[in-house]
């Protein structure tokens, strides 16, 4: 990237961050909550895209790790853990450990076999959460009467006001996105791209393809768990629906909408998804039918997603001018 292109990206990022920080000052409370949910699902979709877009692995079980993060946080909050920082750390750790165990059994398979294995494990986790009523509350879920405040030296920040939840979610989403950015831009990220493009050639030069895939699976599972914690705090509850295969389809849809070939594509896909939902539900309750009708031309005419196709078009125009 040229110095001019790099400086342009930095300026665009700073402007976007400034707009996000000013969001609650501009938006009404309802849209502040909608944007908060976009942050959470954007992080969830970007963690999924570490597997799909950068590693070439289609997972239908990411909702399992999302739900594990949410349930771990809910259980720790109900048992009276006073530190929200510790709750987040433990929840992400538990989600990453589950991803390590499940990924160890999945990453040796490719394409549809990998997808079906992740789907099967995800539905196993859903069934456990749904049927183990004594621990998880079953289909009723685990409602939270309160959430521990954010405690810093000399500061105690309640997470009851929606604006506080907005900034709390923005902070952790930014942290998760930064981790993903560092992973993708590291030598390990180049290895992931090599696995996606030609894993046989990478194996021939001595790389352990299964170990590389497993590392990506654990990182994606841990960050999905972080998104689950944020969703639990946002909704004040954890339910088995967080682990259902239909919930795993959400990051897939958002990634397709935004584009898997662009780092922020899934996050923009989440924004497009929720904006479409709000727009269509103003006219009809059957908004999923309309979303399906929109997805068909997107897949046909924008095979790299809306944002991915736009980025490619701008790049081609710049090359043609030069």
C-alpha atoms as a PDB file:
ATOM      1  CA  UNK A   1       0.000   0.000   0.000  1.00  0.00           C
ATOM      2  CA  UNK A   2       1.305   3.457  -0.897  1.00  0.00           C
ATOM      3  CA  UNK A   3       1.894   6.151   1.706  1.00  0.00           C
ATOM      4  CA  UNK A   4      -1.095   8.079   0.338  1.00  0.00           C
ATOM      5  CA  UNK A   5      -3.330   4.997   0.505  1.00  0.00           C
ATOM      6  CA  UNK A   6      -2.162   4.178   4.014  1.00  0.00           C
ATOM      7  CA  UNK A   7      -2.785   7.719   5.262  1.00  0.00           C
ATOM      8  CA  UNK A   8      -6.213   7.673   3.629  1.00  0.00           C
ATOM      9  CA  UNK A   9      -7.094   4.438   5.428  1.00  0.00           C
ATOM     10  CA  UNK A  10      -5.925   5.883   8.753  1.00  0.00           C
ATOM     11  CA  UNK A  11      -8.000   9.046   8.248  1.00  0.00           C
ATOM     12  CA  UNK A  12     -11.083   7.024   7.272  1.00  0.00           C
ATOM     13  CA  UNK A  13     -10.656   4.816  10.356  1.00  0.00           C
ATOM     14  CA  UNK A  14     -10.305   7.822  12.671  1.00  0.00           C
ATOM     15  CA  UNK A  15     -13.377   9.496  11.173  1.00  0.00           C
ATOM     16  CA  UNK A  16     -15.412   6.299  11.572  1.00  0.00           C
ATOM     17  CA  UNK A  17     -14.239   5.890  15.172  1.00  0.00           C
ATOM     18  CA  UNK A  18     -15.149   9.511  15.941  1.00  0.00           C
ATOM     19  CA  UNK A  19     -18.634   8.967  14.494  1.00  0.00           C
ATOM     20  CA  UNK A  20     -19.083   5.815  16.570  1.00  0.00           C
ATOM     21  CA  UNK A  21     -17.995   7.632  19.737  1.00  0.00           C
ATOM     22  CA  UNK A  22     -20.512  10.394  19.001  1.00  0.00           C
ATOM     23  CA  UNK A  23     -23.256   7.889  18.127  1.00  0.00           C
ATOM     24  CA  UNK A  24     -25.328   8.153  21.346  1.00  0.00           C
ATOM     25  CA  UNK A  25     -25.195  11.951  21.090  1.00  0.00           C
ATOM     26  CA  UNK A  26     -26.719  11.828  17.600  1.00  0.00           C
ATOM     27  CA  UNK A  27     -28.986   8.778  17.636  1.00  0.00           C
ATOM     28  CA  UNK A  28     -32.164   8.169  19.654  1.00  0.00           C
ATOM     29  CA  UNK A  29     -32.067   5.430  22.298  1.00  0.00           C
ATOM     30  CA  UNK A  30     -33.755   2.883  20.022  1.00  0.00           C
ATOM     31  CA  UNK A  31     -31.140   3.233  17.300  1.00  0.00           C
ATOM     32  CA  UNK A  32     -28.378   3.330  19.912  1.00  0.00           C
ATOM     33  CA  UNK A  33     -29.498  -0.155  20.946  1.00  0.00           C
ATOM     34  CA  UNK A  34     -29.698  -1.277  17.311  1.00  0.00           C
ATOM     35  CA  UNK A  35     -26.131  -0.094  16.671  1.00  0.00           C
ATOM     36  CA  UNK A  36     -25.010  -1.881  19.857  1.00  0.00           C
ATOM     37  CA  UNK A  37     -26.414  -5.124  18.458  1.00  0.00           C
ATOM     38  CA  UNK A  38     -24.680  -4.408  15.134  1.00  0.00           C
ATOM     39  CA  UNK A  39     -21.363  -4.165  17.018  1.00  0.00           C
ATOM     40  CA  UNK A  40     -21.933  -7.563  18.623  1.00  0.00           C
ATOM     41  CA  UNK A  41     -23.056  -9.343  15.474  1.00  0.00           C
ATOM     42  CA  UNK A  42     -20.339  -7.606  13.466  1.00  0.00           C
ATOM     43  CA  UNK A  43     -17.696  -9.031  15.802  1.00  0.00           C
ATOM     44  CA  UNK A  44     -19.378 -12.440  15.639  1.00  0.00           C
ATOM     45  CA  UNK A  45     -19.406 -12.335  11.824  1.00  0.00           C
ATOM     46  CA  UNK A  46     -15.781 -11.196  11.600  1.00  0.00           C
ATOM     47  CA  UNK A  47     -14.680 -14.037  13.895  1.00  0.00           C
ATOM     48  CA  UNK A  48     -16.551 -16.446  11.611  1.00  0.00           C
ATOM     49  CA  UNK A  49     -14.848 -14.889   8.594  1.00  0.00           C
ATOM     50  CA  UNK A  50     -11.429 -15.759  10.029  1.00  0.00           C
ATOM     51  CA  UNK A  51     -12.414 -19.337   9.210  1.00  0.00           C
ATOM     52  CA  UNK A  52     -14.486 -18.780   6.074  1.00  0.00           C
ATOM     53  CA  UNK A  53     -12.820 -15.884   4.294  1.00  0.00           C
ATOM     54  CA  UNK A  54      -9.207 -16.371   5.346  1.00  0.00           C
ATOM     55  CA  UNK A  55      -8.975 -20.135   5.944  1.00  0.00           C
ATOM     56  CA  UNK A  56     -11.553 -21.475   3.501  1.00  0.00           C
ATOM     57  CA  UNK A  57     -13.508 -23.313   6.208  1.00  0.00           C
ATOM     58  CA  UNK A  58     -17.304 -23.007   6.310  1.00  0.00           C
ATOM     59  CA  UNK A  59     -18.456 -23.522   9.905  1.00  0.00           C
ATOM     60  CA  UNK A  60     -22.110 -23.963  10.828  1.00  0.00           C
ATOM     61  CA  UNK A  61     -21.340 -24.338  14.536  1.00  0.00           C
ATOM     62  CA  UNK A  62     -20.014 -20.923  15.579  1.00  0.00           C
ATOM     63  CA  UNK A  63     -23.224 -20.222  17.479  1.00  0.00           C
ATOM     64  CA  UNK A  64     -22.178 -22.974  19.886  1.00  0.00           C
ATOM     65  CA  UNK A  65     -19.165 -20.961  21.054  1.00  0.00           C
ATOM     66  CA  UNK A  66     -21.261 -17.790  21.043  1.00  0.00           C
ATOM     67  CA  UNK A  67     -23.712 -19.507  23.390  1.00  0.00           C
ATOM     68  CA  UNK A  68     -20.959 -20.976  25.578  1.00  0.00           C
ATOM     69  CA  UNK A  69     -19.601 -17.471  26.154  1.00  0.00           C
ATOM     70  CA  UNK A  70     -23.084 -16.187  26.976  1.00  0.00           C
ATOM     71  CA  UNK A  71     -23.946 -19.050  29.349  1.00  0.00           C
ATOM     72  CA  UNK A  72     -20.576 -18.936  31.122  1.00  0.00           C
ATOM     73  CA  UNK A  73     -21.040 -15.219  31.733  1.00  0.00           C
ATOM     74  CA  UNK A  74     -24.633 -15.733  32.928  1.00  0.00           C
ATOM     75  CA  UNK A  75     -23.613 -18.526  35.326  1.00  0.00           C
ATOM     76  CA  UNK A  76     -20.753 -16.497  36.780  1.00  0.00           C
ATOM     77  CA  UNK A  77     -22.984 -13.444  37.206  1.00  0.00           C
ATOM     78  CA  UNK A  78     -25.674 -15.529  38.934  1.00  0.00           C
ATOM     79  CA  UNK A  79     -23.100 -17.029  41.322  1.00  0.00           C
ATOM     80  CA  UNK A  80     -22.091 -13.514  42.366  1.00  0.00           C
ATOM     81  CA  UNK A  81     -18.765 -12.931  40.629  1.00  0.00           C
ATOM     82  CA  UNK A  82     -18.035  -9.271  41.406  1.00  0.00           C
ATOM     83  CA  UNK A  83     -15.525  -8.568  38.614  1.00  0.00           C
ATOM     84  CA  UNK A  84     -16.917  -8.153  35.119  1.00  0.00           C
ATOM     85  CA  UNK A  85     -13.362  -8.217  33.720  1.00  0.00           C
ATOM     86  CA  UNK A  86     -12.826 -11.667  35.243  1.00  0.00           C
ATOM     87  CA  UNK A  87     -16.211 -12.847  33.959  1.00  0.00           C
ATOM     88  CA  UNK A  88     -15.288 -11.830  30.407  1.00  0.00           C
ATOM     89  CA  UNK A  89     -11.855 -13.470  30.656  1.00  0.00           C
ATOM     90  CA  UNK A  90     -13.283 -16.758  31.991  1.00  0.00           C
ATOM     91  CA  UNK A  91     -16.089 -16.811  29.407  1.00  0.00           C
ATOM     92  CA  UNK A  92     -13.711 -16.268  26.479  1.00  0.00           C
ATOM     93  CA  UNK A  93     -11.342 -18.892  27.910  1.00  0.00           C
ATOM     94  CA  UNK A  94     -14.103 -21.495  28.263  1.00  0.00           C
ATOM     95  CA  UNK A  95     -15.322 -20.810  24.704  1.00  0.00           C
ATOM     96  CA  UNK A  96     -11.745 -21.133  23.398  1.00  0.00           C
ATOM     97  CA  UNK A  97     -11.246 -24.437  25.274  1.00  0.00           C
ATOM     98  CA  UNK A  98     -14.448 -25.857  23.775  1.00  0.00           C
ATOM     99  CA  UNK A  99     -13.258 -24.669  20.362  1.00  0.00           C
ATOM    100  CA  UNK A 100      -9.939 -26.435  20.965  1.00  0.00           C
ATOM    101  CA  UNK A 101     -11.653 -29.732  21.771  1.00  0.00           C
ATOM    102  CA  UNK A 102     -14.200 -29.548  18.943  1.00  0.00           C
ATOM    103  CA  UNK A 103     -11.761 -28.111  16.432  1.00  0.00           C
ATOM    104  CA  UNK A 104      -9.299 -30.926  17.085  1.00  0.00           C
ATOM    105  CA  UNK A 105     -11.925 -33.330  15.734  1.00  0.00           C
ATOM    106  CA  UNK A 106     -13.059 -31.126  12.827  1.00  0.00           C
ATOM    107  CA  UNK A 107     -10.051 -29.451  11.202  1.00  0.00           C
ATOM    108  CA  UNK A 108      -8.790 -32.633   9.550  1.00  0.00           C
ATOM    109  CA  UNK A 109     -11.818 -32.610   7.266  1.00  0.00           C
ATOM    110  CA  UNK A 110     -12.548 -30.306   4.332  1.00  0.00           C
ATOM    111  CA  UNK A 111     -15.491 -28.551   2.720  1.00  0.00           C
ATOM    112  CA  UNK A 112     -18.900 -30.161   3.357  1.00  0.00           C
ATOM    113  CA  UNK A 113     -17.498 -32.705   5.824  1.00  0.00           C
ATOM    114  CA  UNK A 114     -16.056 -29.930   7.999  1.00  0.00           C
ATOM    115  CA  UNK A 115     -19.324 -27.975   7.741  1.00  0.00           C
ATOM    116  CA  UNK A 116     -21.408 -30.991   8.770  1.00  0.00           C
ATOM    117  CA  UNK A 117     -19.125 -31.822  11.692  1.00  0.00           C
ATOM    118  CA  UNK A 118     -19.347 -28.278  13.048  1.00  0.00           C
ATOM    119  CA  UNK A 119     -23.118 -28.324  12.544  1.00  0.00           C
ATOM    120  CA  UNK A 120     -23.373 -31.598  14.462  1.00  0.00           C
ATOM    121  CA  UNK A 121     -21.291 -30.378  17.400  1.00  0.00           C
ATOM    122  CA  UNK A 122     -23.198 -27.110  17.456  1.00  0.00           C
ATOM    123  CA  UNK A 123     -26.536 -28.913  17.686  1.00  0.00           C
ATOM    124  CA  UNK A 124     -25.141 -31.135  20.436  1.00  0.00           C
ATOM    125  CA  UNK A 125     -24.322 -28.027  22.462  1.00  0.00           C
ATOM    126  CA  UNK A 126     -27.787 -26.624  21.742  1.00  0.00           C
ATOM    127  CA  UNK A 127     -29.445 -29.855  22.933  1.00  0.00           C
ATOM    128  CA  UNK A 128     -27.404 -29.871  26.150  1.00  0.00           C
ATOM    129  CA  UNK A 129     -28.328 -26.246  26.875  1.00  0.00           C
ATOM    130  CA  UNK A 130     -31.988 -26.903  26.026  1.00  0.00           C
ATOM    131  CA  UNK A 131     -32.387 -30.083  28.103  1.00  0.00           C
ATOM    132  CA  UNK A 132     -30.168 -29.389  31.141  1.00  0.00           C
ATOM    133  CA  UNK A 133     -32.809 -27.323  32.906  1.00  0.00           C
ATOM    134  CA  UNK A 134     -31.153 -27.503  36.335  1.00  0.00           C
ATOM    135  CA  UNK A 135     -28.095 -25.643  35.044  1.00  0.00           C
ATOM    136  CA  UNK A 136     -29.237 -23.590  32.054  1.00  0.00           C
ATOM    137  CA  UNK A 137     -32.943 -23.068  32.696  1.00  0.00           C
ATOM    138  CA  UNK A 138     -33.846 -25.038  29.582  1.00  0.00           C
ATOM    139  CA  UNK A 139     -35.927 -23.274  26.961  1.00  0.00           C
ATOM    140  CA  UNK A 140     -36.645 -20.440  29.422  1.00  0.00           C
ATOM    141  CA  UNK A 141     -32.981 -19.482  29.466  1.00  0.00           C
ATOM    142  CA  UNK A 142     -31.126 -17.711  32.253  1.00  0.00           C
ATOM    143  CA  UNK A 143     -32.404 -14.176  32.879  1.00  0.00           C
ATOM    144  CA  UNK A 144     -30.130 -11.753  34.717  1.00  0.00           C
ATOM    145  CA  UNK A 145     -31.596  -9.405  37.279  1.00  0.00           C
ATOM    146  CA  UNK A 146     -28.440  -7.291  37.251  1.00  0.00           C
ATOM    147  CA  UNK A 147     -24.979  -7.116  35.722  1.00  0.00           C
ATOM    148  CA  UNK A 148     -21.860  -6.209  37.737  1.00  0.00           C
ATOM    149  CA  UNK A 149     -20.675  -2.664  37.046  1.00  0.00           C
ATOM    150  CA  UNK A 150     -17.457  -1.915  35.218  1.00  0.00           C
ATOM    151  CA  UNK A 151     -14.918  -1.160  37.921  1.00  0.00           C
ATOM    152  CA  UNK A 152     -11.789   0.867  37.285  1.00  0.00           C
ATOM    153  CA  UNK A 153      -9.558   2.652  39.822  1.00  0.00           C
ATOM    154  CA  UNK A 154     -11.831   5.300  41.313  1.00  0.00           C
ATOM    155  CA  UNK A 155     -14.636   4.579  38.831  1.00  0.00           C
ATOM    156  CA  UNK A 156     -17.721   2.357  38.994  1.00  0.00           C
ATOM    157  CA  UNK A 157     -19.705   2.383  35.742  1.00  0.00           C
ATOM    158  CA  UNK A 158     -23.196   0.883  35.756  1.00  0.00           C
ATOM    159  CA  UNK A 159     -24.285  -1.071  32.675  1.00  0.00           C
ATOM    160  CA  UNK A 160     -27.969  -0.367  33.174  1.00  0.00           C
ATOM    161  CA  UNK A 161     -28.265   2.698  30.857  1.00  0.00           C
ATOM    162  CA  UNK A 162     -28.255   1.715  27.154  1.00  0.00           C
ATOM    163  CA  UNK A 163     -25.636   4.379  26.414  1.00  0.00           C
ATOM    164  CA  UNK A 164     -23.225   2.759  28.884  1.00  0.00           C
ATOM    165  CA  UNK A 165     -23.828  -0.647  27.277  1.00  0.00           C
ATOM    166  CA  UNK A 166     -23.135   0.977  23.887  1.00  0.00           C
ATOM    167  CA  UNK A 167     -19.702   2.238  24.917  1.00  0.00           C
ATOM    168  CA  UNK A 168     -18.882  -0.980  26.786  1.00  0.00           C
ATOM    169  CA  UNK A 169     -19.746  -3.003  23.668  1.00  0.00           C
ATOM    170  CA  UNK A 170     -17.845  -0.609  21.412  1.00  0.00           C
ATOM    171  CA  UNK A 171     -14.710  -1.009  23.542  1.00  0.00           C
ATOM    172  CA  UNK A 172     -14.744  -4.811  23.483  1.00  0.00           C
ATOM    173  CA  UNK A 173     -15.725  -4.959  19.811  1.00  0.00           C
ATOM    174  CA  UNK A 174     -12.797  -2.697  18.956  1.00  0.00           C
ATOM    175  CA  UNK A 175     -10.514  -4.926  21.032  1.00  0.00           C
ATOM    176  CA  UNK A 176     -11.742  -8.046  19.220  1.00  0.00           C
ATOM    177  CA  UNK A 177     -11.395  -6.408  15.798  1.00  0.00           C
ATOM    178  CA  UNK A 178      -7.860  -5.300  16.677  1.00  0.00           C
ATOM    179  CA  UNK A 179      -6.950  -8.893  17.593  1.00  0.00           C
ATOM    180  CA  UNK A 180      -8.370 -10.138  14.300  1.00  0.00           C
ATOM    181  CA  UNK A 181      -6.494  -7.421  12.400  1.00  0.00           C
ATOM    182  CA  UNK A 182      -3.207  -8.409  14.024  1.00  0.00           C
ATOM    183  CA  UNK A 183      -3.851 -12.084  13.284  1.00  0.00           C
ATOM    184  CA  UNK A 184      -4.737 -11.482   9.633  1.00  0.00           C
ATOM    185  CA  UNK A 185      -1.771  -9.143   9.046  1.00  0.00           C
ATOM    186  CA  UNK A 186       0.744 -11.438  10.775  1.00  0.00           C
ATOM    187  CA  UNK A 187       2.820 -14.236   9.185  1.00  0.00           C
ATOM    188  CA  UNK A 188       0.243 -16.604  10.669  1.00  0.00           C
ATOM    189  CA  UNK A 189      -2.429 -14.800   8.626  1.00  0.00           C
ATOM    190  CA  UNK A 190      -0.401 -15.412   5.469  1.00  0.00           C
ATOM    191  CA  UNK A 191      -0.275 -19.095   6.406  1.00  0.00           C
ATOM    192  CA  UNK A 192      -4.062 -19.121   6.728  1.00  0.00           C
ATOM    193  CA  UNK A 193      -4.391 -17.631   3.246  1.00  0.00           C
ATOM    194  CA  UNK A 194      -1.982 -20.261   1.940  1.00  0.00           C
ATOM    195  CA  UNK A 195      -4.118 -22.992   3.539  1.00  0.00           C
ATOM    196  CA  UNK A 196      -7.171 -21.577   1.781  1.00  0.00           C
ATOM    197  CA  UNK A 197      -5.471 -21.331  -1.596  1.00  0.00           C
ATOM    198  CA  UNK A 198      -3.542 -24.608  -1.689  1.00  0.00           C
ATOM    199  CA  UNK A 199      -3.151 -26.656   1.473  1.00  0.00           C
ATOM    200  CA  UNK A 200      -1.355 -29.500  -0.338  1.00  0.00           C
ATOM    201  CA  UNK A 201       1.437 -27.203  -1.482  1.00  0.00           C
ATOM    202  CA  UNK A 202       1.736 -25.771   2.038  1.00  0.00           C
ATOM    203  CA  UNK A 203       1.987 -29.282   3.473  1.00  0.00           C
ATOM    204  CA  UNK A 204       4.724 -30.135   0.963  1.00  0.00           C
ATOM    205  CA  UNK A 205       6.947 -27.361   2.364  1.00  0.00           C
ATOM    206  CA  UNK A 206       6.613 -28.805   5.871  1.00  0.00           C
ATOM    207  CA  UNK A 207       3.742 -26.807   7.419  1.00  0.00           C
ATOM    208  CA  UNK A 208       1.286 -28.554   9.730  1.00  0.00           C
ATOM    209  CA  UNK A 209      -2.012 -27.644   8.070  1.00  0.00           C
ATOM    210  CA  UNK A 210      -4.176 -29.166  10.810  1.00  0.00           C
ATOM    211  CA  UNK A 211      -2.378 -27.202  13.529  1.00  0.00           C
ATOM    212  CA  UNK A 212      -2.742 -23.931  11.596  1.00  0.00           C
ATOM    213  CA  UNK A 213      -6.454 -24.574  11.085  1.00  0.00           C
ATOM    214  CA  UNK A 214      -6.886 -25.511  14.741  1.00  0.00           C
ATOM    215  CA  UNK A 215      -5.238 -22.273  15.888  1.00  0.00           C
ATOM    216  CA  UNK A 216      -7.613 -20.277  13.666  1.00  0.00           C
ATOM    217  CA  UNK A 217     -10.574 -22.293  14.961  1.00  0.00           C
ATOM    218  CA  UNK A 218      -9.634 -21.554  18.594  1.00  0.00           C
ATOM    219  CA  UNK A 219      -9.180 -17.823  17.927  1.00  0.00           C
ATOM    220  CA  UNK A 220     -12.510 -17.658  16.088  1.00  0.00           C
ATOM    221  CA  UNK A 221     -14.227 -19.630  18.870  1.00  0.00           C
ATOM    222  CA  UNK A 222     -12.811 -17.402  21.603  1.00  0.00           C
ATOM    223  CA  UNK A 223     -13.908 -14.211  19.836  1.00  0.00           C
ATOM    224  CA  UNK A 224     -17.339 -15.727  19.157  1.00  0.00           C
ATOM    225  CA  UNK A 225     -17.486 -16.373  22.913  1.00  0.00           C
ATOM    226  CA  UNK A 226     -16.633 -12.705  23.536  1.00  0.00           C
ATOM    227  CA  UNK A 227     -19.512 -11.690  21.259  1.00  0.00           C
ATOM    228  CA  UNK A 228     -21.742 -14.058  23.248  1.00  0.00           C
ATOM    229  CA  UNK A 229     -20.766 -12.364  26.527  1.00  0.00           C
ATOM    230  CA  UNK A 230     -21.607  -8.968  25.062  1.00  0.00           C
ATOM    231  CA  UNK A 231     -24.944 -10.271  23.775  1.00  0.00           C
ATOM    232  CA  UNK A 232     -25.722 -11.732  27.216  1.00  0.00           C
ATOM    233  CA  UNK A 233     -25.008  -8.371  28.879  1.00  0.00           C
ATOM    234  CA  UNK A 234     -27.007  -6.558  26.182  1.00  0.00           C
ATOM    235  CA  UNK A 235     -30.083  -8.832  26.441  1.00  0.00           C
ATOM    236  CA  UNK A 236     -29.725  -9.519  30.178  1.00  0.00           C
ATOM    237  CA  UNK A 237     -30.113 -13.245  29.558  1.00  0.00           C
ATOM    238  CA  UNK A 238     -28.717 -16.343  27.874  1.00  0.00           C
ATOM    239  CA  UNK A 239     -30.974 -18.794  26.020  1.00  0.00           C
ATOM    240  CA  UNK A 240     -30.450 -22.040  24.040  1.00  0.00           C
ATOM    241  CA  UNK A 241     -31.481 -20.153  20.897  1.00  0.00           C
ATOM    242  CA  UNK A 242     -28.014 -18.583  20.931  1.00  0.00           C
ATOM    243  CA  UNK A 243     -26.641 -22.054  20.085  1.00  0.00           C
ATOM    244  CA  UNK A 244     -29.139 -23.123  17.438  1.00  0.00           C
ATOM    245  CA  UNK A 245     -27.954 -23.776  13.872  1.00  0.00           C
ATOM    246  CA  UNK A 246     -30.239 -20.980  12.663  1.00  0.00           C
ATOM    247  CA  UNK A 247     -28.231 -18.541  14.775  1.00  0.00           C
ATOM    248  CA  UNK A 248     -25.054 -19.895  13.155  1.00  0.00           C
ATOM    249  CA  UNK A 249     -26.558 -18.912   9.815  1.00  0.00           C
ATOM    250  CA  UNK A 250     -26.570 -15.245  10.825  1.00  0.00           C
ATOM    251  CA  UNK A 251     -22.820 -14.642  10.448  1.00  0.00           C
ATOM    252  CA  UNK A 252     -22.926 -16.591   7.183  1.00  0.00           C
ATOM    253  CA  UNK A 253     -25.649 -14.290   5.804  1.00  0.00           C
ATOM    254  CA  UNK A 254     -23.883 -11.165   7.046  1.00  0.00           C
ATOM    255  CA  UNK A 255     -20.591 -12.265   5.539  1.00  0.00           C
ATOM    256  CA  UNK A 256     -22.253 -12.977   2.197  1.00  0.00           C
ATOM    257  CA  UNK A 257     -23.949  -9.573   2.270  1.00  0.00           C
ATOM    258  CA  UNK A 258     -20.787  -7.654   3.117  1.00  0.00           C
ATOM    259  CA  UNK A 259     -18.164  -9.791   1.453  1.00  0.00           C
ATOM    260  CA  UNK A 260     -15.707 -12.305   2.850  1.00  0.00           C
ATOM    261  CA  UNK A 261     -12.785 -10.911   0.860  1.00  0.00           C
ATOM    262  CA  UNK A 262     -12.769  -7.598   2.746  1.00  0.00           C
ATOM    263  CA  UNK A 263     -11.632  -7.444   6.366  1.00  0.00           C
ATOM    264  CA  UNK A 264     -14.566  -5.259   7.509  1.00  0.00           C
ATOM    265  CA  UNK A 265     -16.971  -6.815   4.998  1.00  0.00           C
ATOM    266  CA  UNK A 266     -18.846  -8.972   7.546  1.00  0.00           C
ATOM    267  CA  UNK A 267     -19.242  -5.976   9.895  1.00  0.00           C
ATOM    268  CA  UNK A 268     -20.763  -3.918   7.077  1.00  0.00           C
ATOM    269  CA  UNK A 269     -22.895  -6.954   6.251  1.00  0.00           C
ATOM    270  CA  UNK A 270     -24.204  -6.922   9.838  1.00  0.00           C
ATOM    271  CA  UNK A 271     -25.081  -3.239   9.485  1.00  0.00           C
ATOM    272  CA  UNK A 272     -26.861  -3.874   6.164  1.00  0.00           C
ATOM    273  CA  UNK A 273     -28.705  -6.870   7.676  1.00  0.00           C
ATOM    274  CA  UNK A 274     -30.077  -4.920  10.648  1.00  0.00           C
ATOM    275  CA  UNK A 275     -30.923  -1.828   8.602  1.00  0.00           C
ATOM    276  CA  UNK A 276     -32.854  -4.001   6.138  1.00  0.00           C
ATOM    277  CA  UNK A 277     -34.633  -5.688   9.038  1.00  0.00           C
ATOM    278  CA  UNK A 278     -35.720  -2.331  10.496  1.00  0.00           C
ATOM    279  CA  UNK A 279     -36.766  -1.012   7.092  1.00  0.00           C
ATOM    280  CA  UNK A 280     -38.755  -4.050   5.987  1.00  0.00           C
ATOM    281  CA  UNK A 281     -40.449  -4.758   9.342  1.00  0.00           C
ATOM    282  CA  UNK A 282     -41.973  -1.276   9.129  1.00  0.00           C
ATOM    283  CA  UNK A 283     -44.094  -2.628   6.262  1.00  0.00           C
ATOM    284  CA  UNK A 284     -44.420  -6.378   6.896  1.00  0.00           C
ATOM    285  CA  UNK A 285     -43.685  -8.995   9.552  1.00  0.00           C
ATOM    286  CA  UNK A 286     -42.492 -11.430   6.873  1.00  0.00           C
ATOM    287  CA  UNK A 287     -39.183  -9.635   6.525  1.00  0.00           C
ATOM    288  CA  UNK A 288     -37.193 -12.856   6.075  1.00  0.00           C
ATOM    289  CA  UNK A 289     -38.973 -13.418   2.744  1.00  0.00           C
ATOM    290  CA  UNK A 290     -37.884  -9.980   1.586  1.00  0.00           C
ATOM    291  CA  UNK A 291     -34.348 -10.632   2.840  1.00  0.00           C
ATOM    292  CA  UNK A 292     -34.277 -13.837   0.802  1.00  0.00           C
ATOM    293  CA  UNK A 293     -35.411 -11.955  -2.292  1.00  0.00           C
ATOM    294  CA  UNK A 294     -32.597  -9.462  -1.703  1.00  0.00           C
ATOM    295  CA  UNK A 295     -29.973 -12.164  -1.138  1.00  0.00           C
ATOM    296  CA  UNK A 296     -30.673 -13.850  -4.472  1.00  0.00           C
ATOM    297  CA  UNK A 297     -29.545 -10.902  -6.665  1.00  0.00           C
ATOM    298  CA  UNK A 298     -26.705 -10.142  -4.222  1.00  0.00           C
ATOM    299  CA  UNK A 299     -25.296 -13.635  -4.689  1.00  0.00           C
ATOM    300  CA  UNK A 300     -25.815 -13.496  -8.482  1.00  0.00           C
ATOM    301  CA  UNK A 301     -24.622  -9.963  -9.235  1.00  0.00           C
ATOM    302  CA  UNK A 302     -22.329  -9.334  -6.243  1.00  0.00           C
ATOM    303  CA  UNK A 303     -20.480 -12.649  -5.777  1.00  0.00           C
ATOM    304  CA  UNK A 304     -17.905 -10.922  -3.538  1.00  0.00           C
ATOM    305  CA  UNK A 305     -20.573  -9.244  -1.417  1.00  0.00           C
ATOM    306  CA  UNK A 306     -21.808  -5.675  -1.615  1.00  0.00           C
ATOM    307  CA  UNK A 307     -18.768  -4.118   0.059  1.00  0.00           C
ATOM    308  CA  UNK A 308     -16.311  -6.552  -1.551  1.00  0.00           C
ATOM    309  CA  UNK A 309     -17.631  -5.789  -5.037  1.00  0.00           C
ATOM    310  CA  UNK A 310     -17.555  -2.037  -4.343  1.00  0.00           C
ATOM    311  CA  UNK A 311     -13.942  -2.208  -3.145  1.00  0.00           C
ATOM    312  CA  UNK A 312     -12.942  -4.196  -6.236  1.00  0.00           C
ATOM    313  CA  UNK A 313     -14.751  -1.734  -8.524  1.00  0.00           C
ATOM    314  CA  UNK A 314     -12.969   1.233  -6.913  1.00  0.00           C
ATOM    315  CA  UNK A 315      -9.647  -0.583  -7.218  1.00  0.00           C
ATOM    316  CA  UNK A 316     -10.233  -1.307 -10.901  1.00  0.00           C
ATOM    317  CA  UNK A 317     -11.147   2.338 -11.560  1.00  0.00           C
ATOM    318  CA  UNK A 318      -7.984   3.524  -9.819  1.00  0.00           C
ATOM    319  CA  UNK A 319      -5.867   1.134 -11.906  1.00  0.00           C
ATOM    320  CA  UNK A 320      -7.560   2.222 -15.138  1.00  0.00           C
ATOM    321  CA  UNK A 321      -6.874   5.881 -14.356  1.00  0.00           C
ATOM    322  CA  UNK A 322      -3.215   5.218 -13.567  1.00  0.00           C
END
